[in-house]
Amino acid sequence: MEGNSIKTFENLCKIFEMRIRLDNAKGETVPSEIIDDYEKYATKIDTIYNEEFQNNLKRLISPQNTLEKERERLEKLISLLEDRLEKRSLLAGNFHKTTGKYIKNLQLIVSEKELNNKKERLLVISKYLDTTKEIEDIKSSVKKLKEDLTEEETKKNDYEERNKTLEDELYSSFVTSIENDEYYGNIEEENLDEILADVRNKAKDAKETLEITKKSVNNLVSSGMDDEYESYIEEANKNYYLWKEREIVLSIYSLVINFEDEFNDLLKKRENINKLFDERKELVLVKEDVLIPFENVMEKQNKILSDEKDILDNITNLNSRIDFKEERLEELETVLEEPEVLAILDEFKLLPDMPKEPKEDEFVPVFDIPSDEPLVKEINPYEIVSIDNYPPTLNIGLAKLKGTSVRDKVNKKLNPELNTSTPSNEEINENNPSTDDSPNEKEDTGKEINKIESFVEPENTNLSVTPINDIPVTEGVINEDTNIPEPVVLNEVPKSGTPVIEDTMANPNTTDIPNDNNSFWVPVSDSKLEQSQFPNINIPFTNSNINYGEDNLGFPSIEEENKGE
């Protein structure tokens, strides 16, 4: 039925809008009753919106006891407020656009400051939750990466032990391959460098001879001479291959006899040997290949070193990733130390209880003793301080007398030299055994009390006790300039009114919105909290089982709301 009502009201408002536009287009004056009816039904539509808003708001009033649930509540609350403001803005905007006037007496929704406070609170809570979630993910990832790194390091150690035998295996396989060769088997290792230099020169000469032979034979063939000279080229080629192969084999030999310890050197050594093998494959061997067994060993070692290289690359990559994540972790941990985040944690009792240690540069206030006041040289730890505005249940006179007695006993022990000049109450009683209090004794006691009261320094603040019922219920709203909480006191809502929140759209014609006692929550000056007042959206949560601190920006429970009514 409500849906049919609001639809009917919306249709009527469209009719009024069309009527007003037609009159304006014709240049005719719009009857005032048309505008009044338009405003009347627009107000009814807004009232229906408020009823729906109030019903949805009730379940979002009370703050939650965990940050996760509080974030969910704030997200729903902000969405609800923004949706309500959007409906109000559209309704009031259409009315103003059509009539040039503003709808009067609209119930307040929420102020921009109030909404921004909720958004900032949601932002801080989300920052903390998202940051802690990312920290947990990073820590879990770093833990896994370190486990992988440990495995790779173990493999690396195994390979390093194996690398010690690779060089011996490579050398022995090469020597075994050439030991039966009539040329290589007779070479002494200490003369290898000289022999290799001589072979390189001969290979270079053989290549030059081959090039000249090819050029000369080609000239003869082009002149019509017989091609029997082709055999000269084959002979020159054969001679070049012979010396070039010896140069390559001896170059491999010179690499093999140089033992390496580091992995990179081992890998580089085998890469150079592989290049020589590739170069050797382009030659037409003059005789049988004696390095086949050695090549097989090289192939096996290349596989081993390749796997080891992958392990070392993985170690480098893992270390890099761990370093990056740990740097990110440090950045995230600084976010958790931001003041607004610490305030939220303190509100939800999530801060660890740590003893406060004074900082080295911490300011310690020093109170100067006025020059006209005598300097007290003797410290009396039991000195009685005058208390004004004390509770009626406190027998201040008896307390002072007892304190004086204790003081005298302490002074007697700490300052025996002063006992002769200042008699104690016990001494007075011994000299006057009468049980009745004499006028002189009463006068002396009064003087003693006045003396004690006069000792209080001017700087001391009188201690007062205020009845609990007279303390206004307030919420600390942080002042941006001074960071001093300024009080927010609850307002009373009429029984017939609909609970709403302060909204600057209520009366766009004016800068200051008057408080017509029809608001859901409006910051005002301090006053007493009455039982019949409707709660403010910013009041502290009153559930004794859950403490949210002074700046919880929360709602009261529905049960307390009903109880108040």
Protein backbone atom coordinates (compact mmCIF):
# COMPACT_ATOMS: atom_id res chain seq x y z
CA MET A 1 0.00 0.00 0.00
CA GLU A 2 2.94 2.28 0.79
CA GLY A 3 4.35 1.67 -2.66
CA ASN A 4 1.04 2.70 -4.25
CA SER A 5 0.95 5.85 -2.09
CA ILE A 6 4.41 7.06 -3.02
CA LYS A 7 3.79 6.30 -6.68
CA THR A 8 0.58 8.33 -6.53
CA PHE A 9 2.37 11.21 -4.84
CA GLU A 10 5.13 11.13 -7.44
CA ASN A 11 2.58 11.26 -10.27
CA LEU A 12 0.88 14.24 -8.62
CA CYS A 13 4.22 16.04 -8.31
CA LYS A 14 4.89 15.46 -12.02
CA ILE A 15 1.48 16.92 -12.84
CA PHE A 16 2.23 20.00 -10.70
CA GLU A 17 5.62 20.38 -12.38
CA MET A 18 4.04 20.26 -15.83
CA ARG A 19 1.33 22.75 -14.83
CA ILE A 20 3.86 25.21 -13.43
CA ARG A 21 6.08 24.95 -16.51
CA LEU A 22 3.14 25.56 -18.83
CA ASP A 23 2.08 28.63 -16.87
CA ASN A 24 5.63 29.95 -16.91
CA ALA A 25 5.88 29.32 -20.65
CA LYS A 26 2.66 31.27 -21.23
CA GLY A 27 3.83 34.06 -18.97
CA GLU A 28 0.96 33.48 -16.57
CA THR A 29 1.20 33.66 -12.81
CA VAL A 30 1.22 30.27 -11.15
CA PRO A 31 -1.56 30.02 -8.53
CA SER A 32 -0.16 29.81 -5.02
CA GLU A 33 -2.34 26.81 -4.19
CA ILE A 34 -0.63 24.83 -6.98
CA ILE A 35 2.78 25.51 -5.46
CA ASP A 36 1.45 24.74 -1.98
CA ASP A 37 0.00 21.43 -3.14
CA TYR A 38 3.23 20.59 -4.94
CA GLU A 39 5.22 21.30 -1.76
CA LYS A 40 2.70 19.32 0.33
CA TYR A 41 3.01 16.13 -1.69
CA ALA A 42 6.76 16.51 -2.12
CA THR A 43 6.98 16.66 1.68
CA LYS A 44 4.86 13.51 1.96
CA ILE A 45 7.20 11.71 -0.43
CA ASP A 46 10.18 12.81 1.69
CA THR A 47 8.38 11.59 4.83
CA ILE A 48 7.94 8.14 3.28
CA TYR A 49 11.62 8.16 2.42
CA ASN A 50 12.37 9.00 6.06
CA GLU A 51 10.29 6.12 7.36
CA GLU A 52 12.14 3.69 5.14
CA PHE A 53 15.43 5.32 6.13
CA GLN A 54 14.61 5.02 9.84
CA ASN A 55 13.76 1.33 9.57
CA ASN A 56 17.02 0.56 7.79
CA LEU A 57 18.98 2.76 10.18
CA LYS A 58 17.95 0.91 13.35
CA ARG A 59 20.03 -2.16 12.57
CA LEU A 60 23.09 0.03 11.90
CA ILE A 61 22.98 2.16 15.05
CA SER A 62 25.02 0.04 17.41
CA PRO A 63 28.80 -0.19 16.79
CA GLN A 64 30.26 -3.66 16.49
CA ASN A 65 32.79 -5.33 18.73
CA THR A 66 35.28 -6.22 15.99
CA LEU A 67 36.93 -4.10 13.33
CA GLU A 68 35.74 -6.40 10.56
CA LYS A 69 32.11 -6.08 11.61
CA GLU A 70 32.51 -2.35 12.26
CA ARG A 71 33.81 -1.82 8.74
CA GLU A 72 30.85 -3.72 7.34
CA ARG A 73 28.47 -1.63 9.45
CA LEU A 74 30.05 1.66 8.37
CA GLU A 75 29.96 0.66 4.71
CA LYS A 76 26.24 -0.07 4.94
CA LEU A 77 25.59 3.06 7.01
CA ILE A 78 27.43 5.37 4.61
CA SER A 79 25.67 3.78 1.65
CA LEU A 80 22.33 4.28 3.39
CA LEU A 81 23.09 7.92 4.21
CA GLU A 82 24.31 8.72 0.71
CA ASP A 83 21.24 7.08 -0.83
CA ARG A 84 18.96 9.07 1.45
CA LEU A 85 20.80 12.31 0.67
CA GLU A 86 20.57 11.58 -3.04
CA LYS A 87 16.80 11.12 -2.82
CA ARG A 88 16.46 14.33 -0.82
CA SER A 89 18.67 16.24 -3.25
CA LEU A 90 16.70 15.01 -6.26
CA LEU A 91 13.34 15.81 -4.68
CA ALA A 92 14.34 19.27 -3.41
CA GLY A 93 16.24 20.02 -6.61
CA ASN A 94 13.24 19.33 -8.83
CA PHE A 95 11.04 21.52 -6.64
CA HIS A 96 13.52 24.40 -6.73
CA LYS A 97 14.13 24.04 -10.44
CA THR A 98 10.38 24.17 -11.12
CA THR A 99 9.25 26.79 -8.63
CA GLY A 100 12.42 28.72 -7.81
CA LYS A 101 11.68 28.10 -4.13
CA TYR A 102 12.85 25.67 -1.47
CA ILE A 103 10.75 23.09 0.36
CA LYS A 104 10.25 24.21 3.94
CA ASN A 105 10.32 22.21 7.18
CA LEU A 106 12.09 19.15 5.78
CA GLN A 107 13.46 16.88 8.47
CA LEU A 108 17.22 16.93 8.88
CA ILE A 109 19.20 13.93 7.61
CA VAL A 110 22.94 14.29 8.21
CA SER A 111 25.49 17.08 8.10
CA GLU A 112 28.42 16.98 5.73
CA LYS A 113 30.78 16.97 8.70
CA GLU A 114 29.02 13.99 10.25
CA LEU A 115 29.12 12.03 6.99
CA ASN A 116 32.78 12.88 6.46
CA ASN A 117 33.56 11.67 9.98
CA LYS A 118 31.99 8.32 9.18
CA LYS A 119 33.91 8.10 5.91
CA GLU A 120 37.19 8.96 7.61
CA ARG A 121 36.53 6.37 10.29
CA LEU A 122 35.78 3.77 7.63
CA LEU A 123 38.94 4.77 5.78
CA VAL A 124 41.12 4.31 8.88
CA ILE A 125 39.55 0.95 9.75
CA SER A 126 39.89 -0.24 6.16
CA LYS A 127 43.49 0.96 6.10
CA TYR A 128 44.28 -1.07 9.20
CA LEU A 129 42.44 -4.20 8.06
CA ASP A 130 43.84 -4.06 4.53
CA THR A 131 47.32 -3.37 5.83
CA THR A 132 47.24 -6.22 8.34
CA LYS A 133 45.86 -8.54 5.65
CA GLU A 134 48.68 -7.59 3.30
CA ILE A 135 51.19 -8.00 6.13
CA GLU A 136 49.90 -11.50 6.82
CA ASP A 137 50.06 -12.37 3.13
CA ILE A 138 53.59 -11.02 2.82
CA LYS A 139 54.77 -12.84 5.93
CA SER A 140 53.26 -16.07 4.64
CA SER A 141 54.86 -15.49 1.24
CA VAL A 142 58.25 -14.67 2.76
CA LYS A 143 58.05 -17.80 4.88
CA LYS A 144 57.39 -19.91 1.78
CA LEU A 145 60.16 -18.17 -0.16
CA LYS A 146 62.63 -18.79 2.65
CA GLU A 147 61.67 -22.46 2.71
CA ASP A 148 62.29 -22.63 -1.05
CA LEU A 149 65.56 -20.78 -0.56
CA THR A 150 66.66 -23.30 2.06
CA GLU A 151 65.95 -26.13 -0.36
CA GLU A 152 67.90 -24.43 -3.14
CA GLU A 153 70.78 -23.69 -0.79
CA THR A 154 70.88 -27.37 0.16
CA LYS A 155 71.00 -28.34 -3.51
CA LYS A 156 73.72 -25.79 -4.08
CA ASN A 157 75.84 -27.28 -1.31
CA ASP A 158 75.42 -30.74 -2.82
CA TYR A 159 76.48 -29.47 -6.21
CA GLU A 160 79.47 -27.63 -4.78
CA GLU A 161 80.68 -30.91 -3.30
CA ARG A 162 80.17 -32.57 -6.66
CA ASN A 163 82.00 -29.77 -8.48
CA LYS A 164 85.23 -30.77 -6.77
CA THR A 165 85.23 -34.04 -8.69
CA LEU A 166 84.16 -32.56 -12.05
CA GLU A 167 87.57 -31.11 -12.81
CA ASP A 168 89.35 -34.34 -11.99
CA GLU A 169 86.88 -36.28 -14.12
CA LEU A 170 87.30 -33.87 -17.04
CA TYR A 171 91.09 -34.02 -16.92
CA SER A 172 91.32 -37.80 -16.63
CA SER A 173 88.85 -38.35 -19.49
CA PHE A 174 90.82 -36.05 -21.80
CA VAL A 175 94.18 -37.59 -20.99
CA THR A 176 92.73 -41.08 -21.49
CA SER A 177 91.34 -40.05 -24.89
CA ILE A 178 94.67 -38.79 -26.29
CA GLU A 179 97.19 -41.08 -24.55
CA ASN A 180 97.26 -43.61 -27.43
CA ASP A 181 97.50 -40.97 -30.16
CA GLU A 182 100.94 -40.86 -31.82
CA TYR A 183 100.95 -37.06 -31.84
CA TYR A 184 99.05 -35.92 -28.74
CA GLY A 185 100.21 -38.78 -26.53
CA ASN A 186 103.83 -37.65 -26.69
CA ILE A 187 103.20 -34.02 -25.66
CA GLU A 188 104.53 -32.95 -22.30
CA GLU A 189 102.17 -30.67 -20.36
CA GLU A 190 104.96 -28.35 -19.29
CA ASN A 191 105.78 -27.68 -22.99
CA LEU A 192 102.12 -27.32 -24.04
CA ASP A 193 102.10 -23.52 -24.37
CA GLU A 194 105.15 -23.52 -26.67
CA ILE A 195 103.80 -26.37 -28.78
CA LEU A 196 100.40 -24.69 -29.05
CA ALA A 197 101.96 -21.40 -30.19
CA ASP A 198 103.97 -23.25 -32.88
CA VAL A 199 100.86 -25.17 -34.07
CA ARG A 200 98.84 -21.96 -34.33
CA ASN A 201 101.49 -20.45 -36.60
CA LYS A 202 101.53 -23.54 -38.78
CA ALA A 203 97.73 -23.56 -38.98
CA LYS A 204 97.80 -19.90 -39.98
CA ASP A 205 100.39 -20.60 -42.70
CA ALA A 206 98.41 -23.59 -43.92
CA LYS A 207 95.30 -21.44 -44.27
CA GLU A 208 97.19 -18.81 -46.29
CA THR A 209 98.63 -21.54 -48.54
CA LEU A 210 95.14 -22.94 -49.07
CA GLU A 211 93.77 -19.53 -50.06
CA ILE A 212 96.61 -18.89 -52.54
CA THR A 213 96.26 -22.37 -54.02
CA LYS A 214 92.52 -21.87 -54.55
CA LYS A 215 93.07 -18.53 -56.24
CA SER A 216 95.82 -19.81 -58.53
CA VAL A 217 93.93 -22.92 -59.56
CA ASN A 218 90.82 -20.90 -60.30
CA ASN A 219 92.85 -18.61 -62.60
CA LEU A 220 94.22 -21.60 -64.49
CA VAL A 221 90.80 -23.18 -64.87
CA SER A 222 89.32 -19.93 -66.13
CA SER A 223 92.13 -19.81 -68.76
CA GLY A 224 91.10 -23.20 -70.17
CA MET A 225 93.74 -25.25 -68.45
CA ASP A 226 93.08 -28.86 -67.38
CA ASP A 227 91.31 -29.26 -64.03
CA GLU A 228 93.93 -31.74 -62.78
CA TYR A 229 95.11 -28.92 -60.59
CA GLU A 230 92.08 -29.50 -58.36
CA SER A 231 94.13 -32.11 -56.51
CA TYR A 232 96.44 -29.30 -55.40
CA ILE A 233 93.54 -27.69 -53.59
CA GLU A 234 92.62 -30.95 -51.86
CA GLU A 235 96.17 -31.39 -50.67
CA ALA A 236 96.34 -27.82 -49.30
CA ASN A 237 92.97 -28.32 -47.65
CA LYS A 238 94.07 -31.54 -46.00
CA ASN A 239 97.20 -29.87 -44.64
CA TYR A 240 95.17 -26.95 -43.21
CA TYR A 241 92.64 -29.29 -41.53
CA LEU A 242 95.46 -31.23 -39.94
CA TRP A 243 97.08 -28.26 -38.27
CA LYS A 244 93.77 -26.55 -37.43
CA GLU A 245 92.51 -29.69 -35.67
CA ARG A 246 95.76 -29.92 -33.71
CA GLU A 247 95.36 -26.26 -32.75
CA ILE A 248 91.81 -26.88 -31.47
CA VAL A 249 92.69 -30.07 -29.56
CA LEU A 250 95.71 -28.47 -27.93
CA SER A 251 93.60 -25.41 -27.02
CA ILE A 252 91.15 -27.75 -25.30
CA TYR A 253 94.10 -29.43 -23.60
CA SER A 254 95.33 -26.07 -22.26
CA LEU A 255 91.86 -25.41 -20.79
CA VAL A 256 91.56 -28.86 -19.23
CA ILE A 257 94.84 -28.70 -17.29
CA ASN A 258 93.82 -25.39 -15.63
CA PHE A 259 91.70 -26.48 -12.66
CA GLU A 260 88.95 -24.11 -11.41
CA ASP A 261 87.19 -23.92 -8.05
CA GLU A 262 84.39 -21.38 -8.44
CA PHE A 263 81.22 -22.35 -10.22
CA ASN A 264 81.27 -19.43 -12.64
CA ASP A 265 84.84 -20.29 -13.64
CA LEU A 266 83.89 -23.93 -14.12
CA LEU A 267 80.94 -22.92 -16.26
CA LYS A 268 82.98 -20.46 -18.33
CA LYS A 269 85.67 -23.08 -18.91
CA ARG A 270 83.18 -25.57 -20.35
CA GLU A 271 81.51 -22.91 -22.45
CA ASN A 272 84.89 -22.20 -24.08
CA ILE A 273 85.49 -25.92 -24.65
CA ASN A 274 82.05 -26.21 -26.29
CA LYS A 275 82.91 -23.34 -28.63
CA LEU A 276 86.08 -25.15 -29.69
CA PHE A 277 84.06 -28.31 -30.32
CA ASP A 278 81.64 -26.36 -32.51
CA GLU A 279 84.56 -24.97 -34.49
CA ARG A 280 86.06 -28.46 -34.82
CA LYS A 281 82.80 -29.82 -36.29
CA GLU A 282 83.30 -27.64 -39.38
CA LEU A 283 86.55 -29.44 -40.24
CA VAL A 284 86.93 -32.60 -42.25
CA LEU A 285 88.98 -34.73 -39.91
CA VAL A 286 92.07 -36.24 -41.43
CA LYS A 287 92.01 -39.25 -39.13
CA GLU A 288 89.80 -40.92 -36.57
CA ASP A 289 88.34 -38.69 -33.85
CA VAL A 290 90.06 -39.47 -30.55
CA LEU A 291 87.96 -37.08 -28.41
CA ILE A 292 84.66 -38.94 -28.57
CA PRO A 293 84.94 -40.28 -24.95
CA PHE A 294 85.88 -36.83 -23.76
CA GLU A 295 82.89 -35.30 -25.54
CA ASN A 296 80.57 -37.73 -23.74
CA VAL A 297 81.97 -36.65 -20.39
CA MET A 298 81.57 -33.01 -21.40
CA GLU A 299 77.94 -33.55 -22.34
CA LYS A 300 77.19 -35.10 -18.93
CA GLN A 301 78.96 -32.32 -17.07
CA ASN A 302 77.20 -29.65 -19.09
CA LYS A 303 73.89 -31.05 -17.88
CA ILE A 304 75.07 -31.02 -14.28
CA LEU A 305 76.34 -27.46 -14.48
CA SER A 306 73.20 -26.33 -16.26
CA ASP A 307 71.08 -27.65 -13.40
CA GLU A 308 73.40 -26.01 -10.94
CA LYS A 309 73.14 -22.71 -12.80
CA ASP A 310 69.35 -22.92 -12.56
CA ILE A 311 69.68 -23.43 -8.82
CA LEU A 312 71.96 -20.41 -8.44
CA ASP A 313 69.60 -18.31 -10.55
CA ASN A 314 66.72 -19.43 -8.34
CA ILE A 315 68.68 -18.46 -5.23
CA THR A 316 69.36 -15.01 -6.64
CA ASN A 317 65.74 -14.59 -7.61
CA LEU A 318 64.46 -15.79 -4.24
CA ASN A 319 66.77 -13.45 -2.34
CA SER A 320 65.64 -10.55 -4.49
CA ARG A 321 61.97 -11.34 -3.91
CA ILE A 322 62.48 -11.75 -0.18
CA ASP A 323 64.30 -8.41 0.05
CA PHE A 324 61.52 -6.68 -1.88
CA LYS A 325 58.77 -8.15 0.29
CA GLU A 326 60.60 -7.33 3.52
CA GLU A 327 61.01 -3.73 2.39
CA ARG A 328 57.29 -3.61 1.68
CA LEU A 329 56.66 -5.13 5.09
CA GLU A 330 58.57 -2.31 6.76
CA GLU A 331 56.49 0.24 4.86
CA LEU A 332 53.25 -1.43 5.96
CA GLU A 333 54.35 -1.60 9.59
CA THR A 334 54.85 2.17 9.60
CA VAL A 335 51.21 2.52 8.50
CA LEU A 336 50.12 0.70 11.66
CA GLU A 337 51.97 3.32 13.72
CA GLU A 338 50.02 6.27 12.33
CA PRO A 339 48.12 8.20 15.05
CA GLU A 340 44.66 7.64 13.58
CA VAL A 341 45.29 3.90 13.32
CA LEU A 342 46.57 3.72 16.90
CA ALA A 343 43.47 5.59 18.05
CA ILE A 344 41.21 2.97 16.44
CA LEU A 345 43.26 0.14 17.96
CA ASP A 346 43.05 1.78 21.37
CA GLU A 347 39.29 2.15 20.98
CA PHE A 348 38.89 -1.55 20.27
CA LYS A 349 41.41 -2.50 22.99
CA LEU A 350 43.82 -3.97 20.46
CA LEU A 351 46.93 -2.14 21.60
CA PRO A 352 49.39 -4.28 23.58
CA ASP A 353 49.83 -3.32 27.24
CA MET A 354 53.37 -2.01 27.29
CA PRO A 355 55.02 -0.08 30.14
CA LYS A 356 55.63 3.50 29.22
CA GLU A 357 59.32 4.36 29.22
CA PRO A 358 60.31 8.04 29.34
CA LYS A 359 62.13 9.28 26.29
CA GLU A 360 65.51 10.88 26.59
CA ASP A 361 64.27 14.19 25.23
CA GLU A 362 60.89 14.04 26.98
CA PHE A 363 59.88 17.38 28.51
CA VAL A 364 59.61 17.33 32.31
CA PRO A 365 57.68 20.34 33.69
CA VAL A 366 59.44 22.30 36.43
CA PHE A 367 57.35 24.33 38.85
CA ASP A 368 59.11 27.37 40.28
CA ILE A 369 58.48 28.20 43.94
CA PRO A 370 57.25 31.81 44.31
CA SER A 371 59.88 34.11 45.75
CA ASP A 372 57.60 35.34 48.54
CA GLU A 373 56.97 31.79 49.83
CA PRO A 374 59.44 30.32 52.36
CA LEU A 375 61.52 27.42 51.09
CA VAL A 376 60.55 24.17 52.86
CA LYS A 377 63.79 22.38 53.71
CA GLU A 378 62.24 19.43 55.59
CA ILE A 379 60.09 17.03 53.55
CA ASN A 380 57.08 15.67 55.40
CA PRO A 381 55.61 12.69 53.48
CA TYR A 382 52.47 12.73 55.62
CA GLU A 383 51.54 16.39 55.15
CA ILE A 384 47.75 16.84 54.92
CA VAL A 385 46.44 18.79 51.96
CA SER A 386 43.31 20.86 52.40
CA ILE A 387 40.36 19.45 50.45
CA ASP A 388 37.49 21.73 49.50
CA ASN A 389 34.07 20.65 48.23
CA TYR A 390 34.52 17.21 49.78
CA PRO A 391 31.67 14.67 49.76
CA PRO A 392 29.29 14.79 52.72
CA THR A 393 30.30 11.27 53.76
CA LEU A 394 33.91 12.29 54.43
CA ASN A 395 34.69 13.34 58.05
CA ILE A 396 37.33 15.85 57.08
CA GLY A 397 37.89 17.07 60.63
CA LEU A 398 38.66 13.60 61.97
CA ALA A 399 40.87 12.88 58.99
CA LYS A 400 42.91 16.00 59.61
CA LEU A 401 43.34 15.21 63.30
CA LYS A 402 44.51 11.69 62.55
CA GLY A 403 46.88 12.99 59.91
CA THR A 404 48.31 15.52 62.33
CA SER A 405 48.96 12.78 64.86
CA VAL A 406 50.78 10.67 62.31
CA ARG A 407 52.75 13.70 61.16
CA ASP A 408 53.93 14.48 64.67
CA LYS A 409 55.11 10.91 65.20
CA VAL A 410 57.04 10.94 61.95
CA ASN A 411 58.58 14.34 62.68
CA LYS A 412 59.62 13.07 66.08
CA LYS A 413 61.58 10.21 64.54
CA LEU A 414 62.96 12.10 61.53
CA ASN A 415 63.74 15.37 63.31
CA PRO A 416 64.53 14.59 66.96
CA GLU A 417 66.26 17.95 67.40
CA LEU A 418 62.93 19.72 66.80
CA ASN A 419 61.03 17.74 69.46
CA THR A 420 61.95 20.12 72.27
CA SER A 421 60.40 23.13 70.56
CA THR A 422 57.21 21.54 69.21
CA PRO A 423 55.28 19.35 71.66
CA SER A 424 53.10 16.66 70.18
CA ASN A 425 49.48 15.96 70.99
CA GLU A 426 50.52 12.95 73.08
CA GLU A 427 52.69 15.15 75.30
CA ILE A 428 49.84 17.61 75.77
CA ASN A 429 47.52 14.77 76.76
CA GLU A 430 50.05 13.47 79.32
CA ASN A 431 50.29 16.89 80.97
CA ASN A 432 46.51 17.19 81.03
CA PRO A 433 45.14 13.82 82.17
CA SER A 434 41.61 15.17 82.28
CA THR A 435 39.28 13.27 79.96
CA ASP A 436 37.27 16.37 79.12
CA ASP A 437 38.46 18.54 76.28
CA SER A 438 39.39 21.93 77.67
CA PRO A 439 38.77 25.13 75.73
CA ASN A 440 42.49 25.60 75.31
CA GLU A 441 42.92 22.19 73.77
CA LYS A 442 40.09 22.82 71.33
CA GLU A 443 41.59 26.16 70.43
CA ASP A 444 45.04 24.59 69.90
CA THR A 445 43.54 21.87 67.74
CA GLY A 446 41.79 24.44 65.57
CA LYS A 447 45.02 26.37 65.22
CA GLU A 448 46.84 23.20 64.22
CA ILE A 449 44.26 22.45 61.57
CA ASN A 450 44.48 26.02 60.25
CA LYS A 451 48.25 25.71 60.20
CA ILE A 452 48.02 22.52 58.15
CA GLU A 453 45.56 24.08 55.71
CA SER A 454 47.79 27.13 55.24
CA PHE A 455 50.65 24.88 54.07
CA VAL A 456 48.91 24.13 50.74
CA GLU A 457 50.66 25.88 47.86
CA PRO A 458 48.67 28.37 45.75
CA GLU A 459 49.27 26.29 42.65
CA ASN A 460 47.38 23.26 44.01
CA THR A 461 43.98 22.71 42.42
CA ASN A 462 41.09 22.05 44.77
CA LEU A 463 39.74 18.56 44.44
CA SER A 464 36.00 18.35 44.00
CA VAL A 465 33.58 15.46 43.62
CA THR A 466 30.63 15.94 41.31
CA PRO A 467 27.61 13.66 41.62
CA ILE A 468 27.56 11.14 38.79
CA ASN A 469 24.02 12.05 37.76
CA ASP A 470 25.14 15.63 36.98
CA ILE A 471 27.87 14.61 34.50
CA PRO A 472 26.65 15.14 30.88
CA VAL A 473 27.08 12.21 28.50
CA THR A 474 29.36 13.42 25.74
CA GLU A 475 31.43 12.05 22.94
CA GLY A 476 34.93 13.22 22.20
CA VAL A 477 35.01 14.88 18.78
CA ILE A 478 38.60 15.58 17.81
CA ASN A 479 39.24 19.23 17.07
CA GLU A 480 41.51 19.55 14.04
CA ASP A 481 43.41 22.52 15.50
CA THR A 482 43.97 21.54 19.11
CA ASN A 483 43.25 17.78 19.20
CA ILE A 484 41.17 18.53 22.33
CA PRO A 485 37.87 16.63 22.48
CA GLU A 486 34.95 19.01 22.38
CA PRO A 487 31.73 17.75 23.92
CA VAL A 488 28.68 16.70 21.96
CA VAL A 489 25.50 16.49 24.02
CA LEU A 490 22.39 14.59 23.08
CA ASN A 491 19.20 16.31 21.95
CA GLU A 492 15.63 15.41 22.67
CA VAL A 493 13.30 14.35 19.87
CA PRO A 494 9.52 14.83 20.10
CA LYS A 495 7.50 11.64 20.42
CA SER A 496 5.69 12.35 17.17
CA GLY A 497 8.79 13.29 15.20
CA THR A 498 10.74 10.99 12.90
CA PRO A 499 14.39 10.55 13.96
CA VAL A 500 16.61 12.15 11.33
CA ILE A 501 20.08 13.57 11.01
CA GLU A 502 21.28 17.12 10.48
CA ASP A 503 21.30 18.01 6.80
CA THR A 504 22.35 21.22 5.13
CA MET A 505 19.64 20.59 2.50
CA ALA A 506 16.92 21.19 5.09
CA ASN A 507 16.78 24.92 4.45
CA PRO A 508 18.98 25.94 1.52
CA ASN A 509 17.96 29.56 1.89
CA THR A 510 19.74 29.99 5.18
CA THR A 511 23.32 29.47 6.23
CA ASP A 512 22.58 28.35 9.80
CA ILE A 513 19.98 25.65 10.28
CA PRO A 514 17.92 26.25 13.43
CA ASN A 515 17.44 23.46 15.87
CA ASP A 516 13.71 22.74 15.88
CA ASN A 517 14.04 19.73 18.23
CA ASN A 518 13.15 17.50 15.29
CA SER A 519 16.67 16.23 14.55
CA PHE A 520 18.06 12.76 15.04
CA TRP A 521 21.46 14.00 16.07
CA VAL A 522 22.74 17.60 16.07
CA PRO A 523 25.94 18.84 17.81
CA VAL A 524 24.90 21.51 20.34
CA SER A 525 26.22 23.00 23.55
CA ASP A 526 26.61 20.96 26.75
CA SER A 527 23.47 20.08 28.67
CA LYS A 528 22.07 17.29 30.85
CA LEU A 529 21.16 13.96 29.34
CA GLU A 530 17.48 13.26 29.88
CA GLN A 531 16.00 9.77 29.71
CA SER A 532 13.49 10.86 27.06
CA GLN A 533 16.14 12.15 24.66
CA PHE A 534 16.66 10.35 21.36
CA PRO A 535 20.31 9.34 20.98
CA ASN A 536 22.94 11.03 18.85
CA ILE A 537 24.71 9.07 16.12
CA ASN A 538 28.02 10.08 17.71
CA ILE A 539 27.46 9.00 21.32
CA PRO A 540 29.70 6.35 22.94
CA PHE A 541 28.33 2.85 23.10
CA THR A 542 26.76 2.22 26.49
CA ASN A 543 26.97 -1.56 26.61
CA SER A 544 29.08 -2.35 29.68
CA ASN A 545 30.42 -5.51 28.10
CA ILE A 546 32.04 -3.67 25.17
CA ASN A 547 34.21 -0.59 25.58
CA TYR A 548 34.92 1.47 22.47
CA GLY A 549 36.80 4.37 23.99
CA GLU A 550 35.94 8.04 23.94
CA ASP A 551 35.89 8.51 20.19
CA ASN A 552 33.92 5.57 18.92
CA LEU A 553 31.50 7.53 16.69
CA GLY A 554 28.91 4.88 17.43
CA PHE A 555 25.19 4.44 18.00
CA PRO A 556 23.23 3.39 21.08
CA SER A 557 21.47 0.07 21.14
CA ILE A 558 17.82 -0.22 20.12
CA GLU A 559 16.98 -1.72 23.51
CA GLU A 560 18.12 1.42 25.32
CA GLU A 561 16.20 3.52 22.82
CA ASN A 562 12.97 1.67 23.59
CA LYS A 563 13.74 1.78 27.30
CA GLY A 564 14.09 5.51 27.14
CA GLU A 565 10.71 5.88 25.51
